[in-house]
Amino acid sequence: MKARVVVTLKNGVLDPQGKAIEGALKSLGVEGVESVRQGKVFDVEVAGADPAAAKAQLTAACEKLLANTVIENYKIDI
């Protein structure tokens, strides 16, 4: 079973990499960019056919390793 985990910074947490990307886009002439927030994407293949079990397994992985839950949110799509 395939899953995607998206990890992003929580609102209010400074994002210097996002600001640098925003500035670079503007300097390249990309119009209409108001702000950029960067994050991480993990594509994970999980053994088994039970989506609930896979989500529980990935939630544990996020809490332990993939996300710093103090400053990051995560979303799991199965």
C-alpha atoms as a PDB file:
ATOM      1  CA  MET A   1       0.000   0.000   0.000  1.00  0.00           C
ATOM      2  CA  LYS A   2       1.335   3.440  -0.906  1.00  0.00           C
ATOM      3  CA  ALA A   3       1.141   6.440   1.390  1.00  0.00           C
ATOM      4  CA  ARG A   4       2.342  10.025   1.279  1.00  0.00           C
ATOM      5  CA  VAL A   5       3.387  11.917   4.399  1.00  0.00           C
ATOM      6  CA  VAL A   6       3.629  15.709   4.106  1.00  0.00           C
ATOM      7  CA  VAL A   7       5.463  17.545   6.893  1.00  0.00           C
ATOM      8  CA  THR A   8       5.192  21.345   7.128  1.00  0.00           C
ATOM      9  CA  LEU A   9       6.180  23.979   9.637  1.00  0.00           C
ATOM     10  CA  LYS A  10       3.430  25.135  11.977  1.00  0.00           C
ATOM     11  CA  ASN A  11       2.012  28.614  11.474  1.00  0.00           C
ATOM     12  CA  GLY A  12       4.065  31.183  13.336  1.00  0.00           C
ATOM     13  CA  VAL A  13       7.332  29.239  13.022  1.00  0.00           C
ATOM     14  CA  LEU A  14       9.906  31.214  11.059  1.00  0.00           C
ATOM     15  CA  ASP A  15      10.843  29.663   7.720  1.00  0.00           C
ATOM     16  CA  PRO A  16      14.141  31.146   6.469  1.00  0.00           C
ATOM     17  CA  GLN A  17      14.407  28.612   3.633  1.00  0.00           C
ATOM     18  CA  GLY A  18      10.910  29.522   2.458  1.00  0.00           C
ATOM     19  CA  LYS A  19      11.845  33.220   2.552  1.00  0.00           C
ATOM     20  CA  ALA A  20      14.993  32.516   0.494  1.00  0.00           C
ATOM     21  CA  ILE A  21      12.930  30.608  -2.087  1.00  0.00           C
ATOM     22  CA  GLU A  22      10.394  33.438  -2.175  1.00  0.00           C
ATOM     23  CA  GLY A  23      13.159  35.969  -2.827  1.00  0.00           C
ATOM     24  CA  ALA A  24      14.726  33.797  -5.531  1.00  0.00           C
ATOM     25  CA  LEU A  25      11.401  33.371  -7.322  1.00  0.00           C
ATOM     26  CA  LYS A  26      10.838  37.118  -7.312  1.00  0.00           C
ATOM     27  CA  SER A  27      14.368  37.764  -8.605  1.00  0.00           C
ATOM     28  CA  LEU A  28      13.696  35.293 -11.433  1.00  0.00           C
ATOM     29  CA  GLY A  29      10.640  37.305 -12.438  1.00  0.00           C
ATOM     30  CA  VAL A  30       7.991  34.898 -11.181  1.00  0.00           C
ATOM     31  CA  GLU A  31       4.991  37.171 -10.620  1.00  0.00           C
ATOM     32  CA  GLY A  32       2.270  36.878  -8.000  1.00  0.00           C
ATOM     33  CA  VAL A  33       4.206  34.989  -5.309  1.00  0.00           C
ATOM     34  CA  GLU A  34       3.103  36.370  -1.958  1.00  0.00           C
ATOM     35  CA  SER A  35       4.811  33.874   0.344  1.00  0.00           C
ATOM     36  CA  VAL A  36       6.519  30.482   0.339  1.00  0.00           C
ATOM     37  CA  ARG A  37       6.644  27.846   3.093  1.00  0.00           C
ATOM     38  CA  GLN A  38       8.844  24.813   2.529  1.00  0.00           C
ATOM     39  CA  GLY A  39       8.287  21.321   3.831  1.00  0.00           C
ATOM     40  CA  LYS A  40       9.120  17.654   3.327  1.00  0.00           C
ATOM     41  CA  VAL A  41       7.339  14.870   1.448  1.00  0.00           C
ATOM     42  CA  PHE A  42       7.828  11.162   2.166  1.00  0.00           C
ATOM     43  CA  ASP A  43       6.419   8.529  -0.202  1.00  0.00           C
ATOM     44  CA  VAL A  44       6.199   5.311   1.789  1.00  0.00           C
ATOM     45  CA  GLU A  45       5.166   1.793   0.804  1.00  0.00           C
ATOM     46  CA  VAL A  46       3.595  -0.079   3.705  1.00  0.00           C
ATOM     47  CA  ALA A  47       3.057  -3.858   3.780  1.00  0.00           C
ATOM     48  CA  GLY A  48      -0.499  -5.079   4.258  1.00  0.00           C
ATOM     49  CA  ALA A  49      -3.936  -4.082   3.061  1.00  0.00           C
ATOM     50  CA  ASP A  50      -5.444  -2.408   6.143  1.00  0.00           C
ATOM     51  CA  PRO A  51      -5.472   1.390   5.696  1.00  0.00           C
ATOM     52  CA  ALA A  52      -6.205   1.999   9.388  1.00  0.00           C
ATOM     53  CA  ALA A  53      -3.212  -0.096  10.467  1.00  0.00           C
ATOM     54  CA  ALA A  54      -0.986   1.642   7.919  1.00  0.00           C
ATOM     55  CA  LYS A  55      -2.104   5.059   9.141  1.00  0.00           C
ATOM     56  CA  ALA A  56      -1.414   4.072  12.760  1.00  0.00           C
ATOM     57  CA  GLN A  57       2.030   2.789  11.778  1.00  0.00           C
ATOM     58  CA  LEU A  58       2.854   5.996   9.888  1.00  0.00           C
ATOM     59  CA  THR A  59       1.523   8.167  12.705  1.00  0.00           C
ATOM     60  CA  ALA A  60       3.977   6.449  15.046  1.00  0.00           C
ATOM     61  CA  ALA A  61       6.773   7.008  12.500  1.00  0.00           C
ATOM     62  CA  CYS A  62       5.906  10.714  12.295  1.00  0.00           C
ATOM     63  CA  GLU A  63       5.782  11.121  16.057  1.00  0.00           C
ATOM     64  CA  LYS A  64       9.122   9.350  16.518  1.00  0.00           C
ATOM     65  CA  LEU A  65      11.187  10.412  13.500  1.00  0.00           C
ATOM     66  CA  LEU A  66       9.668  12.055  10.439  1.00  0.00           C
ATOM     67  CA  ALA A  67       8.327  15.214  12.089  1.00  0.00           C
ATOM     68  CA  ASN A  68       9.446  17.428  14.936  1.00  0.00           C
ATOM     69  CA  THR A  69       5.960  17.809  16.416  1.00  0.00           C
ATOM     70  CA  VAL A  70       6.990  20.849  18.466  1.00  0.00           C
ATOM     71  CA  ILE A  71       7.379  22.959  15.315  1.00  0.00           C
ATOM     72  CA  GLU A  72       5.941  20.796  12.497  1.00  0.00           C
ATOM     73  CA  ASN A  73       2.572  19.410  11.437  1.00  0.00           C
ATOM     74  CA  TYR A  74       2.146  16.279   9.370  1.00  0.00           C
ATOM     75  CA  LYS A  75      -0.554  14.875   7.124  1.00  0.00           C
ATOM     76  CA  ILE A  76      -0.849  11.247   6.032  1.00  0.00           C
ATOM     77  CA  ASP A  77      -2.613  10.239   2.808  1.00  0.00           C
ATOM     78  CA  ILE A  78      -3.085   6.523   2.118  1.00  0.00           C
END
